[in-house]
C-alpha atoms as a PDB file:
ATOM      1  CA  UNK A   1      -2.683   0.963  10.062  1.00  0.00           C
ATOM      2  CA  UNK A   2      -1.543   1.265   6.867  1.00  0.00           C
ATOM      3  CA  UNK A   3      -3.424   0.941   3.705  1.00  0.00           C
ATOM      4  CA  UNK A   4      -1.965  -1.905   2.546  1.00  0.00           C
ATOM      5  CA  UNK A   5      -2.308  -1.582  -1.542  1.00  0.00           C
ATOM      6  CA  UNK A   6      -1.351   1.588  -1.845  1.00  0.00           C
ATOM      7  CA  UNK A   7       2.055   0.973  -0.182  1.00  0.00           C
ATOM      8  CA  UNK A   8       2.420  -2.053  -2.389  1.00  0.00           C
ATOM      9  CA  UNK A   9       1.698   0.019  -5.120  1.00  0.00           C
ATOM     10  CA  UNK A  10       4.320   2.473  -4.205  1.00  0.00           C
ATOM     11  CA  UNK A  11       6.850   0.018  -3.775  1.00  0.00           C
ATOM     12  CA  UNK A  12       6.011  -1.957  -7.345  1.00  0.00           C
ATOM     13  CA  UNK A  13       6.299   1.320  -8.631  1.00  0.00           C
ATOM     14  CA  UNK A  14       9.868   2.251  -7.168  1.00  0.00           C
ATOM     15  CA  UNK A  15      11.070  -0.903  -8.734  1.00  0.00           C
ATOM     16  CA  UNK A  16      12.685  -1.995  -4.948  1.00  0.00           C
ATOM     17  CA  UNK A  17      12.751  -5.363  -3.240  1.00  0.00           C
ATOM     18  CA  UNK A  18      11.145  -6.149  -0.111  1.00  0.00           C
ATOM     19  CA  UNK A  19      14.446  -7.397   1.161  1.00  0.00           C
ATOM     20  CA  UNK A  20      16.146  -4.386  -0.163  1.00  0.00           C
ATOM     21  CA  UNK A  21      13.753  -1.746   1.546  1.00  0.00           C
ATOM     22  CA  UNK A  22      13.636  -4.112   4.880  1.00  0.00           C
ATOM     23  CA  UNK A  23      17.287  -3.591   4.865  1.00  0.00           C
ATOM     24  CA  UNK A  24      17.170  -0.154   4.926  1.00  0.00           C
ATOM     25  CA  UNK A  25      14.575  -0.364   7.690  1.00  0.00           C
ATOM     26  CA  UNK A  26      16.688  -2.552  10.038  1.00  0.00           C
ATOM     27  CA  UNK A  27      13.831  -5.344   9.997  1.00  0.00           C
ATOM     28  CA  UNK A  28      13.274  -8.736   8.138  1.00  0.00           C
ATOM     29  CA  UNK A  29      11.495  -8.895   4.860  1.00  0.00           C
ATOM     30  CA  UNK A  30       9.297 -11.162   6.995  1.00  0.00           C
ATOM     31  CA  UNK A  31       8.629  -8.115   9.065  1.00  0.00           C
ATOM     32  CA  UNK A  32       8.093  -5.943   6.451  1.00  0.00           C
ATOM     33  CA  UNK A  33       5.399  -7.914   5.167  1.00  0.00           C
ATOM     34  CA  UNK A  34       3.666  -8.205   8.326  1.00  0.00           C
ATOM     35  CA  UNK A  35       3.765  -4.741   8.798  1.00  0.00           C
ATOM     36  CA  UNK A  36       2.364  -4.111   5.323  1.00  0.00           C
ATOM     37  CA  UNK A  37      -0.515  -6.691   6.248  1.00  0.00           C
ATOM     38  CA  UNK A  38      -1.180  -4.842   9.142  1.00  0.00           C
ATOM     39  CA  UNK A  39      -0.760  -7.804  11.533  1.00  0.00           C
ATOM     40  CA  UNK A  40       2.277  -5.518  13.126  1.00  0.00           C
ATOM     41  CA  UNK A  41       2.341  -1.590  13.538  1.00  0.00           C
ATOM     42  CA  UNK A  42       5.045   0.649  11.760  1.00  0.00           C
ATOM     43  CA  UNK A  43       6.483   2.367  14.223  1.00  0.00           C
ATOM     44  CA  UNK A  44       6.796   6.434  12.854  1.00  0.00           C
ATOM     45  CA  UNK A  45      10.655   6.250  12.149  1.00  0.00           C
ATOM     46  CA  UNK A  46       9.836   3.226   9.759  1.00  0.00           C
ATOM     47  CA  UNK A  47       7.351   5.430   7.910  1.00  0.00           C
ATOM     48  CA  UNK A  48       9.397   8.224   7.676  1.00  0.00           C
ATOM     49  CA  UNK A  49      12.369   5.685   6.443  1.00  0.00           C
ATOM     50  CA  UNK A  50      10.259   3.911   4.125  1.00  0.00           C
ATOM     51  CA  UNK A  51       8.605   7.204   2.599  1.00  0.00           C
ATOM     52  CA  UNK A  52      12.065   8.134   2.070  1.00  0.00           C
ATOM     53  CA  UNK A  53      13.215   4.922   0.285  1.00  0.00           C
ATOM     54  CA  UNK A  54      10.088   4.692  -2.078  1.00  0.00           C
ATOM     55  CA  UNK A  55      10.504   8.853  -2.854  1.00  0.00           C
ATOM     56  CA  UNK A  56       7.287   9.687  -1.079  1.00  0.00           C
ATOM     57  CA  UNK A  57       7.626  13.616  -0.034  1.00  0.00           C
ATOM     58  CA  UNK A  58       3.959  14.680  -0.683  1.00  0.00           C
ATOM     59  CA  UNK A  59       1.942  15.080   2.893  1.00  0.00           C
ATOM     60  CA  UNK A  60      -1.201  13.838   1.404  1.00  0.00           C
ATOM     61  CA  UNK A  61       0.110  10.547  -0.321  1.00  0.00           C
ATOM     62  CA  UNK A  62       1.850   9.760   2.886  1.00  0.00           C
ATOM     63  CA  UNK A  63      -1.625  10.127   4.915  1.00  0.00           C
ATOM     64  CA  UNK A  64      -3.340   8.337   2.330  1.00  0.00           C
ATOM     65  CA  UNK A  65      -1.145   5.411   3.034  1.00  0.00           C
ATOM     66  CA  UNK A  66      -0.230   5.422   6.465  1.00  0.00           C
ATOM     67  CA  UNK A  67      -2.768   7.447   8.172  1.00  0.00           C
ATOM     68  CA  UNK A  68      -6.083   7.498   6.100  1.00  0.00           C
ATOM     69  CA  UNK A  69      -7.861   5.009   8.248  1.00  0.00           C
ATOM     70  CA  UNK A  70      -6.929   6.538  11.746  1.00  0.00           C
ATOM     71  CA  UNK A  71      -8.444   9.822  11.084  1.00  0.00           C
ATOM     72  CA  UNK A  72     -11.748   8.112   9.484  1.00  0.00           C
ATOM     73  CA  UNK A  73     -11.843   6.159  12.623  1.00  0.00           C
ATOM     74  CA  UNK A  74     -10.844   9.045  14.770  1.00  0.00           C
ATOM     75  CA  UNK A  75     -14.120  11.260  12.830  1.00  0.00           C
ATOM     76  CA  UNK A  76     -16.438   8.962  13.361  1.00  0.00           C
ATOM     77  CA  UNK A  77     -16.196   8.499  16.819  1.00  0.00           C
ATOM     78  CA  UNK A  78     -16.984  12.642  16.809  1.00  0.00           C
END
């Protein structure tokens, strides 16, 4: 699950429109918003492409946005 707030902040910082980002990902604007809101999940290739589009190349930032909740849930199970 993506951290919606952090992802939206990066999109806002980039100055890019949802429609443009969605087109680059090969999905609709509505589909992108559903993924950002965690109604639908991002595919790995979409996460990679989104990071390229937004200029996110720091692994820690990627993990923080896209994998932090997953890692936390795994840690809580142990």
